[in-house]
Structures are given as C-alpha cells and as structure tokens.
Amino acid sequence: MARAVSSSHLSRGDASYCSCFRVFRSCLPANWRALVGIAGLVAEEILRDGTDDAGVIADALHQRIWDGEASASDLTMMGITDIESYDLRDELVEGATRILRDQWEAVRQEAEYLIEFATE
C-alpha cells in the first residue's frame, strides 16, 4: 500500500520519503515521462475498442494527436513539440499497453474512484 506523504514531509525533506523516492526513481524506465504522457490516451483506446494491438492503438493515437485531441501536457511528456512532425514509436505504445494491461484491475479501480470523486 502506498504511503501518504504530507506536504510537511516534502518541505522538511523527510529522510524516509526521500530514500524511498530515490529507490522508486531508480526503478523507472528511461522513457518514464513518455509513458506517463501516453498512458491516458492508450487506456482510452483500450476502453474504446477493447484491443491490445499496439499497432491499432498507435494508428488511433496518431489520428487523435493530429486532430488535436491530446492535451498539451500529455504531448509535452511524450516529447512531442510539433504535431505536424513527430515520431511516436510503436515500442512506446507497446510498453504503455503492456503496463496498463498488467495493472488493468488497479487502473480500473482508480478510474472508478476518480469518476466518483469528480461527481461528488
């Protein structure tokens, strides 16, 4: 279970939090920012079409990016600065798809919680 961290822990540099963050950060893949940026778009495509096919998902993402449906923050995280000229690697889409599918139950529960919280 994740440990809740208050802002006071962050401001005073709580040693246990900092060491935990260093360990967590060292476990992240080099392209973690891009994975975070693309995760929501991939999840939406999985939910929309029910597919695990990274090629199909990548094609849909290209169209959504071109149509302006991706947020500026997602594009920034993915390293896309120009929607007319960018490289969305299939490996990135495959990685995000695999991670989401491996953790799908937790993703589904988090989505349900966020939807419920947003409607309160």
N, C-alpha and C. Protein backbone atom coordinates (compact mmCIF):
# COMPACT_ATOMS: atom_id res chain seq x y z
N MET A 1 0.83 -1.17 0.00
CA MET A 1 0.00 0.00 0.00
C MET A 1 0.88 1.24 0.00
N ALA A 2 0.52 2.23 -0.79
CA ALA A 2 1.31 3.45 -0.88
C ALA A 2 1.18 4.26 0.40
N ARG A 3 2.28 4.90 0.77
CA ARG A 3 2.31 5.71 1.97
C ARG A 3 1.90 7.13 1.62
N ALA A 4 0.96 7.67 2.36
CA ALA A 4 0.55 9.05 2.14
C ALA A 4 1.66 9.97 2.61
N VAL A 5 1.95 10.97 1.84
CA VAL A 5 3.02 11.90 2.18
C VAL A 5 2.43 13.29 2.26
N SER A 6 2.56 13.91 3.41
CA SER A 6 2.03 15.26 3.56
C SER A 6 3.03 16.26 3.02
N SER A 7 2.56 17.47 2.77
CA SER A 7 3.45 18.50 2.26
C SER A 7 4.54 18.83 3.27
N SER A 8 4.26 18.61 4.58
CA SER A 8 5.29 18.89 5.57
C SER A 8 6.45 17.91 5.43
N HIS A 9 6.17 16.66 5.03
CA HIS A 9 7.25 15.71 4.78
C HIS A 9 8.12 16.19 3.63
N LEU A 10 7.47 16.72 2.61
CA LEU A 10 8.22 17.17 1.44
C LEU A 10 9.03 18.41 1.77
N SER A 11 8.43 19.34 2.50
CA SER A 11 9.13 20.59 2.76
C SER A 11 10.30 20.41 3.70
N ARG A 12 10.21 19.47 4.62
CA ARG A 12 11.34 19.30 5.54
C ARG A 12 12.31 18.24 5.07
N GLY A 13 12.02 17.61 3.91
CA GLY A 13 12.93 16.63 3.35
C GLY A 13 12.99 15.36 4.16
N ASP A 14 11.85 14.84 4.57
CA ASP A 14 11.78 13.61 5.35
C ASP A 14 12.69 12.55 4.74
N ALA A 15 13.64 12.06 5.52
CA ALA A 15 14.67 11.14 5.03
C ALA A 15 14.07 9.84 4.49
N SER A 16 13.06 9.28 5.17
CA SER A 16 12.50 8.02 4.70
C SER A 16 11.78 8.21 3.38
N TYR A 17 11.09 9.35 3.23
CA TYR A 17 10.42 9.62 1.96
C TYR A 17 11.45 9.80 0.86
N CYS A 18 12.48 10.58 1.14
CA CYS A 18 13.49 10.85 0.12
C CYS A 18 14.19 9.57 -0.32
N SER A 19 14.54 8.71 0.62
CA SER A 19 15.22 7.48 0.23
C SER A 19 14.27 6.57 -0.54
N CYS A 20 13.00 6.56 -0.15
CA CYS A 20 12.01 5.76 -0.87
C CYS A 20 11.87 6.30 -2.30
N PHE A 21 11.84 7.61 -2.45
CA PHE A 21 11.71 8.21 -3.78
C PHE A 21 12.93 7.87 -4.64
N ARG A 22 14.12 7.90 -4.06
CA ARG A 22 15.32 7.56 -4.82
C ARG A 22 15.26 6.12 -5.31
N VAL A 23 14.80 5.21 -4.47
CA VAL A 23 14.68 3.81 -4.87
C VAL A 23 13.64 3.69 -5.98
N PHE A 24 12.49 4.34 -5.79
CA PHE A 24 11.43 4.28 -6.79
C PHE A 24 11.92 4.85 -8.11
N ARG A 25 12.58 6.00 -8.05
CA ARG A 25 13.06 6.65 -9.27
C ARG A 25 14.07 5.78 -10.00
N SER A 26 14.89 5.05 -9.27
CA SER A 26 15.89 4.21 -9.92
C SER A 26 15.25 3.02 -10.63
N CYS A 27 14.01 2.68 -10.29
CA CYS A 27 13.31 1.56 -10.92
C CYS A 27 12.58 1.98 -12.18
N LEU A 28 12.46 3.27 -12.42
CA LEU A 28 11.72 3.75 -13.57
C LEU A 28 12.49 3.55 -14.86
N PRO A 29 11.79 3.22 -15.94
CA PRO A 29 12.48 3.13 -17.23
C PRO A 29 12.91 4.52 -17.68
N ALA A 30 13.89 4.58 -18.54
CA ALA A 30 14.42 5.86 -19.01
C ALA A 30 13.35 6.72 -19.68
N ASN A 31 12.37 6.08 -20.29
CA ASN A 31 11.32 6.82 -21.01
C ASN A 31 10.05 7.00 -20.17
N TRP A 32 10.18 7.06 -18.86
CA TRP A 32 9.00 7.11 -18.00
C TRP A 32 8.12 8.30 -18.28
N ARG A 33 8.70 9.44 -18.61
CA ARG A 33 7.87 10.62 -18.88
C ARG A 33 6.97 10.38 -20.09
N ALA A 34 7.52 9.80 -21.12
CA ALA A 34 6.74 9.50 -22.32
C ALA A 34 5.64 8.49 -22.00
N LEU A 35 5.96 7.50 -21.17
CA LEU A 35 4.95 6.51 -20.78
C LEU A 35 3.81 7.15 -20.00
N VAL A 36 4.14 8.08 -19.12
CA VAL A 36 3.10 8.80 -18.36
C VAL A 36 2.24 9.61 -19.32
N GLY A 37 2.89 10.29 -20.26
CA GLY A 37 2.15 11.12 -21.21
C GLY A 37 1.20 10.34 -22.09
N ILE A 38 1.60 9.14 -22.46
CA ILE A 38 0.80 8.37 -23.39
C ILE A 38 -0.22 7.45 -22.70
N ALA A 39 -0.04 7.21 -21.41
CA ALA A 39 -0.86 6.22 -20.69
C ALA A 39 -2.36 6.49 -20.80
N GLY A 40 -2.77 7.72 -20.59
CA GLY A 40 -4.20 8.04 -20.65
C GLY A 40 -4.79 7.80 -22.03
N LEU A 41 -4.05 8.20 -23.05
CA LEU A 41 -4.52 8.01 -24.42
C LEU A 41 -4.63 6.53 -24.76
N VAL A 42 -3.64 5.75 -24.34
CA VAL A 42 -3.67 4.31 -24.59
C VAL A 42 -4.85 3.67 -23.84
N ALA A 43 -5.04 4.05 -22.58
CA ALA A 43 -6.14 3.49 -21.80
C ALA A 43 -7.49 3.80 -22.45
N GLU A 44 -7.64 5.02 -22.94
CA GLU A 44 -8.89 5.39 -23.60
C GLU A 44 -9.12 4.52 -24.84
N GLU A 45 -8.07 4.25 -25.60
CA GLU A 45 -8.22 3.40 -26.79
C GLU A 45 -8.54 1.97 -26.42
N ILE A 46 -7.91 1.46 -25.36
CA ILE A 46 -8.22 0.10 -24.91
C ILE A 46 -9.69 0.01 -24.52
N LEU A 47 -10.16 1.02 -23.79
CA LEU A 47 -11.57 1.02 -23.38
C LEU A 47 -12.51 1.19 -24.56
N ARG A 48 -12.14 2.04 -25.49
CA ARG A 48 -12.99 2.33 -26.64
C ARG A 48 -13.12 1.12 -27.56
N ASP A 49 -11.99 0.50 -27.89
CA ASP A 49 -12.00 -0.57 -28.89
C ASP A 49 -11.79 -1.96 -28.31
N GLY A 50 -11.37 -2.05 -27.04
CA GLY A 50 -11.12 -3.35 -26.43
C GLY A 50 -9.96 -4.10 -27.05
N THR A 51 -9.02 -3.38 -27.64
CA THR A 51 -7.91 -4.03 -28.34
C THR A 51 -6.62 -3.93 -27.53
N ASP A 52 -5.78 -4.93 -27.69
CA ASP A 52 -4.42 -4.92 -27.13
C ASP A 52 -3.39 -4.73 -28.23
N ASP A 53 -3.85 -4.60 -29.46
CA ASP A 53 -2.96 -4.50 -30.61
C ASP A 53 -2.30 -3.12 -30.63
N ALA A 54 -1.00 -3.09 -30.34
CA ALA A 54 -0.28 -1.82 -30.26
C ALA A 54 -0.31 -1.06 -31.58
N GLY A 55 -0.31 -1.77 -32.69
CA GLY A 55 -0.36 -1.11 -34.00
C GLY A 55 -1.68 -0.38 -34.21
N VAL A 56 -2.77 -1.03 -33.84
CA VAL A 56 -4.10 -0.41 -33.95
C VAL A 56 -4.18 0.80 -33.02
N ILE A 57 -3.68 0.63 -31.80
CA ILE A 57 -3.70 1.72 -30.83
C ILE A 57 -2.83 2.88 -31.32
N ALA A 58 -1.64 2.57 -31.85
CA ALA A 58 -0.74 3.62 -32.36
C ALA A 58 -1.40 4.40 -33.49
N ASP A 59 -2.07 3.70 -34.41
CA ASP A 59 -2.76 4.38 -35.51
C ASP A 59 -3.83 5.33 -34.97
N ALA A 60 -4.59 4.85 -33.99
CA ALA A 60 -5.64 5.69 -33.39
C ALA A 60 -5.04 6.90 -32.68
N LEU A 61 -3.91 6.69 -31.99
CA LEU A 61 -3.26 7.80 -31.29
C LEU A 61 -2.73 8.84 -32.27
N HIS A 62 -2.15 8.38 -33.38
CA HIS A 62 -1.69 9.33 -34.41
C HIS A 62 -2.85 10.21 -34.86
N GLN A 63 -3.99 9.60 -35.10
CA GLN A 63 -5.15 10.36 -35.55
C GLN A 63 -5.63 11.34 -34.48
N ARG A 64 -5.68 10.87 -33.24
CA ARG A 64 -6.14 11.74 -32.15
C ARG A 64 -5.19 12.91 -31.93
N ILE A 65 -3.89 12.65 -32.03
CA ILE A 65 -2.91 13.74 -31.88
C ILE A 65 -3.08 14.73 -33.02
N TRP A 66 -3.19 14.22 -34.24
CA TRP A 66 -3.36 15.08 -35.41
C TRP A 66 -4.65 15.90 -35.31
N ASP A 67 -5.71 15.30 -34.74
CA ASP A 67 -6.99 16.00 -34.59
C ASP A 67 -7.01 16.96 -33.41
N GLY A 68 -5.90 17.04 -32.67
CA GLY A 68 -5.82 17.96 -31.53
C GLY A 68 -6.51 17.46 -30.28
N GLU A 69 -6.71 16.15 -30.16
CA GLU A 69 -7.41 15.58 -29.01
C GLU A 69 -6.50 15.26 -27.84
N ALA A 70 -5.20 15.36 -28.02
CA ALA A 70 -4.26 15.10 -26.92
C ALA A 70 -3.94 16.43 -26.23
N SER A 71 -3.86 16.38 -24.91
CA SER A 71 -3.59 17.61 -24.16
C SER A 71 -2.15 18.06 -24.38
N ALA A 72 -1.93 19.34 -24.19
CA ALA A 72 -0.58 19.90 -24.32
C ALA A 72 0.37 19.26 -23.32
N SER A 73 -0.12 19.00 -22.12
CA SER A 73 0.75 18.39 -21.11
C SER A 73 1.12 16.95 -21.49
N ASP A 74 0.18 16.18 -22.04
CA ASP A 74 0.49 14.82 -22.50
C ASP A 74 1.52 14.87 -23.63
N LEU A 75 1.31 15.78 -24.57
CA LEU A 75 2.25 15.90 -25.69
C LEU A 75 3.65 16.27 -25.20
N THR A 76 3.71 17.17 -24.24
CA THR A 76 5.00 17.57 -23.68
C THR A 76 5.68 16.39 -23.02
N MET A 77 4.94 15.63 -22.21
CA MET A 77 5.51 14.46 -21.55
C MET A 77 6.01 13.45 -22.58
N MET A 78 5.31 13.34 -23.70
CA MET A 78 5.69 12.39 -24.74
C MET A 78 6.83 12.93 -25.60
N GLY A 79 7.21 14.18 -25.38
CA GLY A 79 8.29 14.78 -26.16
C GLY A 79 7.86 15.28 -27.52
N ILE A 80 6.57 15.48 -27.69
CA ILE A 80 6.04 15.96 -28.98
C ILE A 80 5.87 17.47 -28.90
N THR A 81 6.62 18.16 -29.72
CA THR A 81 6.53 19.63 -29.73
C THR A 81 5.88 20.15 -31.00
N ASP A 82 5.80 19.32 -32.02
CA ASP A 82 5.22 19.74 -33.30
C ASP A 82 4.34 18.59 -33.81
N ILE A 83 3.02 18.80 -33.81
CA ILE A 83 2.12 17.70 -34.20
C ILE A 83 2.18 17.40 -35.70
N GLU A 84 2.81 18.28 -36.46
CA GLU A 84 2.95 18.00 -37.88
C GLU A 84 4.20 17.19 -38.19
N SER A 85 5.10 17.09 -37.21
CA SER A 85 6.33 16.35 -37.43
C SER A 85 6.79 15.75 -36.10
N TYR A 86 6.41 14.52 -35.84
CA TYR A 86 6.81 13.85 -34.61
C TYR A 86 6.96 12.37 -34.87
N ASP A 87 7.62 11.69 -33.94
CA ASP A 87 7.84 10.25 -34.05
C ASP A 87 7.23 9.58 -32.84
N LEU A 88 6.14 8.87 -33.04
CA LEU A 88 5.51 8.09 -31.97
C LEU A 88 5.90 6.64 -32.21
N ARG A 89 6.88 6.19 -31.46
CA ARG A 89 7.43 4.85 -31.67
C ARG A 89 6.45 3.78 -31.21
N ASP A 90 6.35 2.72 -32.00
CA ASP A 90 5.49 1.60 -31.64
C ASP A 90 5.92 0.97 -30.32
N GLU A 91 7.23 1.00 -30.03
CA GLU A 91 7.74 0.42 -28.78
C GLU A 91 7.15 1.15 -27.57
N LEU A 92 6.98 2.46 -27.69
CA LEU A 92 6.39 3.25 -26.61
C LEU A 92 4.94 2.84 -26.40
N VAL A 93 4.19 2.72 -27.48
CA VAL A 93 2.79 2.31 -27.40
C VAL A 93 2.70 0.89 -26.85
N GLU A 94 3.55 0.00 -27.33
CA GLU A 94 3.56 -1.38 -26.83
C GLU A 94 3.86 -1.43 -25.34
N GLY A 95 4.84 -0.64 -24.89
CA GLY A 95 5.20 -0.61 -23.47
C GLY A 95 4.05 -0.11 -22.61
N ALA A 96 3.43 0.97 -23.03
CA ALA A 96 2.30 1.52 -22.27
C ALA A 96 1.13 0.54 -22.26
N THR A 97 0.87 -0.10 -23.38
CA THR A 97 -0.21 -1.09 -23.46
C THR A 97 0.05 -2.25 -22.51
N ARG A 98 1.27 -2.76 -22.53
CA ARG A 98 1.64 -3.89 -21.66
C ARG A 98 1.51 -3.52 -20.18
N ILE A 99 2.03 -2.35 -19.81
CA ILE A 99 1.95 -1.92 -18.40
C ILE A 99 0.50 -1.76 -17.97
N LEU A 100 -0.31 -1.13 -18.81
CA LEU A 100 -1.72 -0.93 -18.45
C LEU A 100 -2.46 -2.26 -18.33
N ARG A 101 -2.23 -3.17 -19.26
CA ARG A 101 -2.91 -4.46 -19.20
C ARG A 101 -2.47 -5.27 -17.98
N ASP A 102 -1.17 -5.20 -17.66
CA ASP A 102 -0.66 -5.92 -16.48
C ASP A 102 -1.28 -5.39 -15.19
N GLN A 103 -1.61 -4.13 -15.18
CA GLN A 103 -2.15 -3.48 -13.98
C GLN A 103 -3.60 -3.05 -14.17
N TRP A 104 -4.30 -3.68 -15.11
CA TRP A 104 -5.63 -3.21 -15.51
C TRP A 104 -6.62 -3.11 -14.35
N GLU A 105 -6.63 -4.07 -13.45
CA GLU A 105 -7.59 -4.03 -12.35
C GLU A 105 -7.36 -2.79 -11.49
N ALA A 106 -6.12 -2.48 -11.19
CA ALA A 106 -5.81 -1.29 -10.39
C ALA A 106 -6.16 -0.02 -11.17
N VAL A 107 -5.91 -0.01 -12.47
CA VAL A 107 -6.26 1.14 -13.31
C VAL A 107 -7.77 1.34 -13.31
N ARG A 108 -8.51 0.25 -13.46
CA ARG A 108 -9.98 0.33 -13.47
C ARG A 108 -10.51 0.88 -12.15
N GLN A 109 -9.97 0.38 -11.03
CA GLN A 109 -10.42 0.84 -9.71
C GLN A 109 -10.10 2.32 -9.52
N GLU A 110 -8.92 2.75 -9.94
CA GLU A 110 -8.55 4.15 -9.81
C GLU A 110 -9.47 5.03 -10.65
N ALA A 111 -9.78 4.58 -11.87
CA ALA A 111 -10.67 5.34 -12.73
C ALA A 111 -12.06 5.47 -12.11
N GLU A 112 -12.57 4.38 -11.55
CA GLU A 112 -13.88 4.43 -10.89
C GLU A 112 -13.85 5.40 -9.72
N TYR A 113 -12.78 5.37 -8.93
CA TYR A 113 -12.65 6.28 -7.79
C TYR A 113 -12.64 7.73 -8.28
N LEU A 114 -11.87 8.02 -9.31
CA LEU A 114 -11.77 9.39 -9.80
C LEU A 114 -13.10 9.88 -10.37
N ILE A 115 -13.81 9.00 -11.06
CA ILE A 115 -15.12 9.37 -11.59
C ILE A 115 -16.09 9.65 -10.45
N GLU A 116 -16.09 8.81 -9.44
CA GLU A 116 -16.96 9.01 -8.29
C GLU A 116 -16.61 10.31 -7.55
N PHE A 117 -15.32 10.54 -7.36
CA PHE A 117 -14.85 11.74 -6.66
C PHE A 117 -15.23 12.99 -7.44
N ALA A 118 -15.15 12.94 -8.77
CA ALA A 118 -15.45 14.10 -9.61
C ALA A 118 -16.93 14.43 -9.61
N THR A 119 -17.80 13.47 -9.33
CA THR A 119 -19.24 13.71 -9.37
C THR A 119 -19.81 14.09 -8.01
N GLU A 120 -18.97 14.11 -6.98
CA GLU A 120 -19.47 14.47 -5.64
C GLU A 120 -19.69 15.96 -5.50
